Amino acid sequence: MTNPGHPELGSGSAFSASSNADTLTFTASGEATITSDILNKTLTVNVPDFPAPDYTLSGWTHGTGVVYPTTLTDMVGIGTANPTHALDVVGTANVSGAVNLGSSLNVTGATAFNAALAVTGSATISSLDLNLGGITNAGVIDGATGFTSSGTVKFTSLGLGVLHSDLNGVLSSSPVDLTDGDVSGILPVTHGGTGLTAFNAGDIPFASSTNT
């Protein structure tokens, strides 16, 4: 519609021109058509109903509250035109909620956690950086290259006594048993011992001088 003058929209659906010299020009475009009724002095603009978009033409299917690839074996790439996984993201992904994994998690680079890390199963870790919090683990942590901590490492299943390690590297603890080989060797005199490995019947420890 072109408007050389200054037509005004009145009440209802009527147009009025401020001057008889003003003109209104209606031009059909695309699928819309205009029909005129000279007898009733009306113009009718006809716009057809457009069909709902067919998402399958773009490779996606819009279901009830879900959108998914029409071909379920297709791979989705974000930041890449050549995805090699079901969802392949090249760049940084930010997830503000929880991430639930039904399988293993493979990380090729260094991993930094700014909160506590909870592990309920087994975990194989070669490099782990915890800026804040700590590790809460109810399963097994297998350190491929060792376990180093600049803070406190607390084992809740261990108590007072001697620390033991079995053939599988599992740690345990028990009270010190002086009769079962927990203590071996000779306690030197400087640490309160006699420096002797055995005594004969009737022997009495005697100090000839300090620490002797």
C-alpha atoms as a PDB file:
ATOM      1  CA  MET A   1       0.000   0.000   0.000  1.00  0.00           C
ATOM      2  CA  THR A   2       1.363   3.378  -0.951  1.00  0.00           C
ATOM      3  CA  ASN A   3       0.235   6.545   0.793  1.00  0.00           C
ATOM      4  CA  PRO A   4       0.975   9.817  -1.076  1.00  0.00           C
ATOM      5  CA  GLY A   5      -1.389  11.748   1.227  1.00  0.00           C
ATOM      6  CA  HIS A   6      -2.372  11.321   4.810  1.00  0.00           C
ATOM      7  CA  PRO A   7      -5.210   8.815   5.147  1.00  0.00           C
ATOM      8  CA  GLU A   8      -6.577   8.227   8.596  1.00  0.00           C
ATOM      9  CA  LEU A   9      -7.852   5.070  10.217  1.00  0.00           C
ATOM     10  CA  GLY A  10     -11.258   5.781  11.674  1.00  0.00           C
ATOM     11  CA  SER A  11     -13.517   3.730  13.870  1.00  0.00           C
ATOM     12  CA  GLY A  12     -14.221   0.138  12.880  1.00  0.00           C
ATOM     13  CA  SER A  13     -12.488  -0.843   9.648  1.00  0.00           C
ATOM     14  CA  ALA A  14     -12.996   2.396   7.656  1.00  0.00           C
ATOM     15  CA  PHE A  15     -10.214   4.444   6.024  1.00  0.00           C
ATOM     16  CA  SER A  16     -10.710   8.120   5.375  1.00  0.00           C
ATOM     17  CA  ALA A  17      -8.584  10.551   3.393  1.00  0.00           C
ATOM     18  CA  SER A  18      -7.918  14.064   4.537  1.00  0.00           C
ATOM     19  CA  SER A  19      -8.336  15.316   0.987  1.00  0.00           C
ATOM     20  CA  ASN A  20     -10.104  14.147  -2.174  1.00  0.00           C
ATOM     21  CA  ALA A  21      -6.774  14.510  -3.919  1.00  0.00           C
ATOM     22  CA  ASP A  22      -5.240  11.773  -1.778  1.00  0.00           C
ATOM     23  CA  THR A  23      -4.988   8.285  -3.256  1.00  0.00           C
ATOM     24  CA  LEU A  24      -4.615   4.797  -1.778  1.00  0.00           C
ATOM     25  CA  THR A  25      -2.948   2.153  -3.918  1.00  0.00           C
ATOM     26  CA  PHE A  26      -3.213  -1.549  -2.994  1.00  0.00           C
ATOM     27  CA  THR A  27      -0.889  -4.029  -4.682  1.00  0.00           C
ATOM     28  CA  ALA A  28      -1.093  -7.796  -4.295  1.00  0.00           C
ATOM     29  CA  SER A  29       2.163  -9.542  -3.385  1.00  0.00           C
ATOM     30  CA  GLY A  30       3.199 -13.166  -3.194  1.00  0.00           C
ATOM     31  CA  GLU A  31       0.309 -15.455  -2.334  1.00  0.00           C
ATOM     32  CA  ALA A  32      -2.018 -12.605  -1.322  1.00  0.00           C
ATOM     33  CA  THR A  33      -4.687 -11.390  -3.774  1.00  0.00           C
ATOM     34  CA  ILE A  34      -6.994  -8.374  -3.824  1.00  0.00           C
ATOM     35  CA  THR A  35     -10.526  -8.363  -5.192  1.00  0.00           C
ATOM     36  CA  SER A  36     -12.754  -5.314  -5.606  1.00  0.00           C
ATOM     37  CA  ASP A  37     -16.504  -4.945  -5.396  1.00  0.00           C
ATOM     38  CA  ILE A  38     -17.426  -1.731  -7.251  1.00  0.00           C
ATOM     39  CA  LEU A  39     -21.104  -2.063  -6.416  1.00  0.00           C
ATOM     40  CA  ASN A  40     -20.474  -2.231  -2.678  1.00  0.00           C
ATOM     41  CA  LYS A  41     -17.333  -0.104  -2.893  1.00  0.00           C
ATOM     42  CA  THR A  42     -15.158  -2.659  -1.086  1.00  0.00           C
ATOM     43  CA  LEU A  43     -11.723  -4.186  -1.463  1.00  0.00           C
ATOM     44  CA  THR A  44     -10.995  -7.676  -0.131  1.00  0.00           C
ATOM     45  CA  VAL A  45      -7.500  -8.875   0.635  1.00  0.00           C
ATOM     46  CA  ASN A  46      -7.262 -12.670   0.423  1.00  0.00           C
ATOM     47  CA  VAL A  47      -4.376 -14.400   2.240  1.00  0.00           C
ATOM     48  CA  PRO A  48      -4.335 -18.211   1.958  1.00  0.00           C
ATOM     49  CA  ASP A  49      -3.735 -20.469   4.939  1.00  0.00           C
ATOM     50  CA  PHE A  50      -0.163 -21.640   4.848  1.00  0.00           C
ATOM     51  CA  PRO A  51       0.460 -25.278   5.800  1.00  0.00           C
ATOM     52  CA  ALA A  52       2.425 -26.096   8.940  1.00  0.00           C
ATOM     53  CA  PRO A  53       6.156 -26.288   8.240  1.00  0.00           C
ATOM     54  CA  ASP A  54       7.504 -29.740   7.497  1.00  0.00           C
ATOM     55  CA  TYR A  55      10.500 -30.047   9.816  1.00  0.00           C
ATOM     56  CA  THR A  56      11.502 -33.350   8.236  1.00  0.00           C
ATOM     57  CA  LEU A  57      12.663 -31.416   5.157  1.00  0.00           C
ATOM     58  CA  SER A  58      15.416 -29.882   7.313  1.00  0.00           C
ATOM     59  CA  GLY A  59      16.419 -33.209   8.872  1.00  0.00           C
ATOM     60  CA  TRP A  60      14.474 -32.695  12.106  1.00  0.00           C
ATOM     61  CA  THR A  61      11.203 -34.082  13.403  1.00  0.00           C
ATOM     62  CA  HIS A  62       9.066 -32.069  15.827  1.00  0.00           C
ATOM     63  CA  GLY A  63       7.186 -34.400  18.138  1.00  0.00           C
ATOM     64  CA  THR A  64       5.119 -33.689  21.231  1.00  0.00           C
ATOM     65  CA  GLY A  65       7.423 -31.433  23.203  1.00  0.00           C
ATOM     66  CA  VAL A  66      10.540 -32.881  21.590  1.00  0.00           C
ATOM     67  CA  VAL A  67      12.738 -32.235  18.560  1.00  0.00           C
ATOM     68  CA  TYR A  68      15.020 -34.962  17.239  1.00  0.00           C
ATOM     69  CA  PRO A  69      16.882 -35.893  14.026  1.00  0.00           C
ATOM     70  CA  THR A  70      14.526 -37.489  11.543  1.00  0.00           C
ATOM     71  CA  THR A  71      17.209 -40.094  10.830  1.00  0.00           C
ATOM     72  CA  LEU A  72      18.141 -41.271  14.318  1.00  0.00           C
ATOM     73  CA  THR A  73      21.608 -42.363  13.214  1.00  0.00           C
ATOM     74  CA  ASP A  74      22.485 -38.814  12.112  1.00  0.00           C
ATOM     75  CA  MET A  75      25.152 -37.006  14.123  1.00  0.00           C
ATOM     76  CA  VAL A  76      24.658 -33.471  15.414  1.00  0.00           C
ATOM     77  CA  GLY A  77      27.597 -31.084  15.152  1.00  0.00           C
ATOM     78  CA  ILE A  78      27.940 -27.777  17.014  1.00  0.00           C
ATOM     79  CA  GLY A  79      30.928 -25.783  15.867  1.00  0.00           C
ATOM     80  CA  THR A  80      31.821 -28.472  13.354  1.00  0.00           C
ATOM     81  CA  ALA A  81      30.494 -29.590   9.983  1.00  0.00           C
ATOM     82  CA  ASN A  82      31.968 -33.070  10.449  1.00  0.00           C
ATOM     83  CA  PRO A  83      30.658 -34.532  13.709  1.00  0.00           C
ATOM     84  CA  THR A  84      31.960 -37.975  14.632  1.00  0.00           C
ATOM     85  CA  HIS A  85      29.678 -38.590  17.623  1.00  0.00           C
ATOM     86  CA  ALA A  86      25.945 -38.420  18.272  1.00  0.00           C
ATOM     87  CA  LEU A  87      26.590 -34.932  19.695  1.00  0.00           C
ATOM     88  CA  ASP A  88      29.931 -33.395  18.739  1.00  0.00           C
ATOM     89  CA  VAL A  89      30.730 -29.965  20.212  1.00  0.00           C
ATOM     90  CA  VAL A  90      33.840 -28.093  19.120  1.00  0.00           C
ATOM     91  CA  GLY A  91      34.242 -25.237  21.573  1.00  0.00           C
ATOM     92  CA  THR A  92      33.316 -24.604  25.184  1.00  0.00           C
ATOM     93  CA  ALA A  93      30.040 -26.004  26.505  1.00  0.00           C
ATOM     94  CA  ASN A  94      28.415 -24.459  29.576  1.00  0.00           C
ATOM     95  CA  VAL A  95      25.929 -26.528  31.582  1.00  0.00           C
ATOM     96  CA  SER A  96      24.296 -24.805  34.561  1.00  0.00           C
ATOM     97  CA  GLY A  97      22.425 -27.900  35.740  1.00  0.00           C
ATOM     98  CA  ALA A  98      23.410 -31.475  36.526  1.00  0.00           C
ATOM     99  CA  VAL A  99      24.896 -33.795  33.925  1.00  0.00           C
ATOM    100  CA  ASN A 100      23.861 -37.433  34.233  1.00  0.00           C
ATOM    101  CA  LEU A 101      26.069 -40.002  32.525  1.00  0.00           C
ATOM    102  CA  GLY A 102      24.842 -43.526  31.921  1.00  0.00           C
ATOM    103  CA  SER A 103      28.276 -44.704  30.833  1.00  0.00           C
ATOM    104  CA  SER A 104      31.943 -43.791  31.271  1.00  0.00           C
ATOM    105  CA  LEU A 105      33.420 -40.278  31.113  1.00  0.00           C
ATOM    106  CA  ASN A 106      36.586 -39.914  29.033  1.00  0.00           C
ATOM    107  CA  VAL A 107      38.607 -36.715  29.505  1.00  0.00           C
ATOM    108  CA  THR A 108      41.728 -36.195  27.391  1.00  0.00           C
ATOM    109  CA  GLY A 109      42.849 -32.917  28.989  1.00  0.00           C
ATOM    110  CA  ALA A 110      43.370 -31.617  32.511  1.00  0.00           C
ATOM    111  CA  THR A 111      40.154 -31.369  34.514  1.00  0.00           C
ATOM    112  CA  ALA A 112      39.541 -28.637  37.101  1.00  0.00           C
ATOM    113  CA  PHE A 113      36.679 -28.826  39.599  1.00  0.00           C
ATOM    114  CA  ASN A 114      35.612 -25.768  41.594  1.00  0.00           C
ATOM    115  CA  ALA A 115      33.498 -27.820  43.985  1.00  0.00           C
ATOM    116  CA  ALA A 116      33.529 -31.247  45.599  1.00  0.00           C
ATOM    117  CA  LEU A 117      33.674 -34.301  43.346  1.00  0.00           C
ATOM    118  CA  ALA A 118      31.463 -37.207  44.372  1.00  0.00           C
ATOM    119  CA  VAL A 119      32.212 -40.660  42.940  1.00  0.00           C
ATOM    120  CA  THR A 120      29.936 -43.596  43.721  1.00  0.00           C
ATOM    121  CA  GLY A 121      31.702 -46.117  41.497  1.00  0.00           C
ATOM    122  CA  SER A 122      35.282 -46.707  40.427  1.00  0.00           C
ATOM    123  CA  ALA A 123      37.396 -43.896  38.951  1.00  0.00           C
ATOM    124  CA  THR A 124      40.689 -44.038  37.066  1.00  0.00           C
ATOM    125  CA  ILE A 125      42.433 -40.673  37.305  1.00  0.00           C
ATOM    126  CA  SER A 126      45.766 -39.643  35.817  1.00  0.00           C
ATOM    127  CA  SER A 127      45.482 -35.897  36.501  1.00  0.00           C
ATOM    128  CA  LEU A 128      42.920 -34.122  38.676  1.00  0.00           C
ATOM    129  CA  ASP A 129      42.967 -30.520  39.898  1.00  0.00           C
ATOM    130  CA  LEU A 130      40.549 -29.618  42.697  1.00  0.00           C
ATOM    131  CA  ASN A 131      40.532 -25.854  43.277  1.00  0.00           C
ATOM    132  CA  LEU A 132      37.918 -25.964  46.019  1.00  0.00           C
ATOM    133  CA  GLY A 133      36.143 -28.674  47.937  1.00  0.00           C
ATOM    134  CA  GLY A 134      37.551 -32.193  47.742  1.00  0.00           C
ATOM    135  CA  ILE A 135      36.863 -35.733  46.627  1.00  0.00           C
ATOM    136  CA  THR A 136      34.028 -37.686  48.207  1.00  0.00           C
ATOM    137  CA  ASN A 137      34.277 -41.280  47.086  1.00  0.00           C
ATOM    138  CA  ALA A 138      32.196 -44.312  48.003  1.00  0.00           C
ATOM    139  CA  GLY A 139      33.952 -46.599  45.521  1.00  0.00           C
ATOM    140  CA  VAL A 140      37.526 -47.026  44.317  1.00  0.00           C
ATOM    141  CA  ILE A 141      40.003 -44.386  43.132  1.00  0.00           C
ATOM    142  CA  ASP A 142      42.797 -45.850  41.035  1.00  0.00           C
ATOM    143  CA  GLY A 143      45.607 -43.326  40.573  1.00  0.00           C
ATOM    144  CA  ALA A 144      47.416 -44.228  37.362  1.00  0.00           C
ATOM    145  CA  THR A 145      50.516 -42.197  38.244  1.00  0.00           C
ATOM    146  CA  GLY A 146      50.121 -41.913  41.996  1.00  0.00           C
ATOM    147  CA  PHE A 147      48.132 -39.741  44.355  1.00  0.00           C
ATOM    148  CA  THR A 148      49.582 -36.420  45.491  1.00  0.00           C
ATOM    149  CA  SER A 149      47.908 -33.986  47.856  1.00  0.00           C
ATOM    150  CA  SER A 150      49.054 -30.678  49.335  1.00  0.00           C
ATOM    151  CA  GLY A 151      46.220 -30.820  51.852  1.00  0.00           C
ATOM    152  CA  THR A 152      44.722 -33.525  54.043  1.00  0.00           C
ATOM    153  CA  VAL A 153      43.834 -36.988  52.757  1.00  0.00           C
ATOM    154  CA  LYS A 154      41.262 -38.613  55.040  1.00  0.00           C
ATOM    155  CA  PHE A 155      40.369 -42.308  54.906  1.00  0.00           C
ATOM    156  CA  THR A 156      37.165 -42.773  56.889  1.00  0.00           C
ATOM    157  CA  SER A 157      37.450 -46.580  56.975  1.00  0.00           C
ATOM    158  CA  LEU A 158      40.841 -46.516  58.721  1.00  0.00           C
ATOM    159  CA  GLY A 159      41.300 -46.337  62.475  1.00  0.00           C
ATOM    160  CA  LEU A 160      44.155 -46.040  64.957  1.00  0.00           C
ATOM    161  CA  GLY A 161      46.997 -48.495  64.591  1.00  0.00           C
ATOM    162  CA  VAL A 162      49.279 -49.806  61.898  1.00  0.00           C
ATOM    163  CA  LEU A 163      48.543 -49.206  58.215  1.00  0.00           C
ATOM    164  CA  HIS A 164      48.541 -52.322  56.022  1.00  0.00           C
ATOM    165  CA  SER A 165      48.426 -52.839  52.259  1.00  0.00           C
ATOM    166  CA  ASP A 166      47.439 -56.132  50.626  1.00  0.00           C
ATOM    167  CA  LEU A 167      48.602 -57.482  47.241  1.00  0.00           C
ATOM    168  CA  ASN A 168      45.899 -55.448  45.496  1.00  0.00           C
ATOM    169  CA  GLY A 169      47.007 -52.200  47.138  1.00  0.00           C
ATOM    170  CA  VAL A 170      43.951 -52.003  49.403  1.00  0.00           C
ATOM    171  CA  LEU A 171      44.705 -50.162  52.639  1.00  0.00           C
ATOM    172  CA  SER A 172      43.525 -51.279  56.068  1.00  0.00           C
ATOM    173  CA  SER A 173      44.511 -50.623  59.676  1.00  0.00           C
ATOM    174  CA  SER A 174      44.720 -52.556  62.944  1.00  0.00           C
ATOM    175  CA  PRO A 175      46.005 -51.977  66.480  1.00  0.00           C
ATOM    176  CA  VAL A 176      49.716 -52.560  67.022  1.00  0.00           C
ATOM    177  CA  ASP A 177      50.338 -56.224  67.918  1.00  0.00           C
ATOM    178  CA  LEU A 178      53.733 -56.678  69.565  1.00  0.00           C
ATOM    179  CA  THR A 179      53.461 -60.476  69.285  1.00  0.00           C
ATOM    180  CA  ASP A 180      52.483 -60.747  65.643  1.00  0.00           C
ATOM    181  CA  GLY A 181      55.345 -59.128  63.776  1.00  0.00           C
ATOM    182  CA  ASP A 182      53.953 -55.596  63.656  1.00  0.00           C
ATOM    183  CA  VAL A 183      57.209 -54.405  65.243  1.00  0.00           C
ATOM    184  CA  SER A 184      60.551 -55.699  63.976  1.00  0.00           C
ATOM    185  CA  GLY A 185      64.208 -54.717  64.235  1.00  0.00           C
ATOM    186  CA  ILE A 186      66.149 -53.338  67.207  1.00  0.00           C
ATOM    187  CA  LEU A 187      64.991 -50.264  69.119  1.00  0.00           C
ATOM    188  CA  PRO A 188      68.141 -48.135  69.460  1.00  0.00           C
ATOM    189  CA  VAL A 189      69.304 -46.795  72.814  1.00  0.00           C
ATOM    190  CA  THR A 190      68.822 -43.197  71.612  1.00  0.00           C
ATOM    191  CA  HIS A 191      65.113 -43.937  71.242  1.00  0.00           C
ATOM    192  CA  GLY A 192      64.736 -45.601  74.620  1.00  0.00           C
ATOM    193  CA  GLY A 193      65.737 -49.140  73.691  1.00  0.00           C
ATOM    194  CA  THR A 194      68.570 -51.381  74.906  1.00  0.00           C
ATOM    195  CA  GLY A 195      70.196 -51.858  71.518  1.00  0.00           C
ATOM    196  CA  LEU A 196      70.197 -55.633  72.158  1.00  0.00           C
ATOM    197  CA  THR A 197      68.449 -58.307  70.168  1.00  0.00           C
ATOM    198  CA  ALA A 198      68.091 -60.826  73.022  1.00  0.00           C
ATOM    199  CA  PHE A 199      68.671 -61.332  76.750  1.00  0.00           C
ATOM    200  CA  ASN A 200      69.988 -64.331  78.655  1.00  0.00           C
ATOM    201  CA  ALA A 201      68.339 -65.613  81.789  1.00  0.00           C
ATOM    202  CA  GLY A 202      69.332 -63.483  84.765  1.00  0.00           C
ATOM    203  CA  ASP A 203      70.494 -60.511  82.675  1.00  0.00           C
ATOM    204  CA  ILE A 204      69.702 -57.091  84.125  1.00  0.00           C
ATOM    205  CA  PRO A 205      69.889 -53.998  81.876  1.00  0.00           C
ATOM    206  CA  PHE A 206      72.572 -51.628  83.235  1.00  0.00           C
ATOM    207  CA  ALA A 207      73.484 -48.112  82.096  1.00  0.00           C
ATOM    208  CA  SER A 208      77.221 -47.464  82.374  1.00  0.00           C
ATOM    209  CA  SER A 209      76.790 -43.866  81.189  1.00  0.00           C
ATOM    210  CA  THR A 210      74.300 -41.668  79.405  1.00  0.00           C
ATOM    211  CA  ASN A 211      72.646 -43.582  76.535  1.00  0.00           C
ATOM    212  CA  THR A 212      75.069 -46.523  77.117  1.00  0.00           C
END
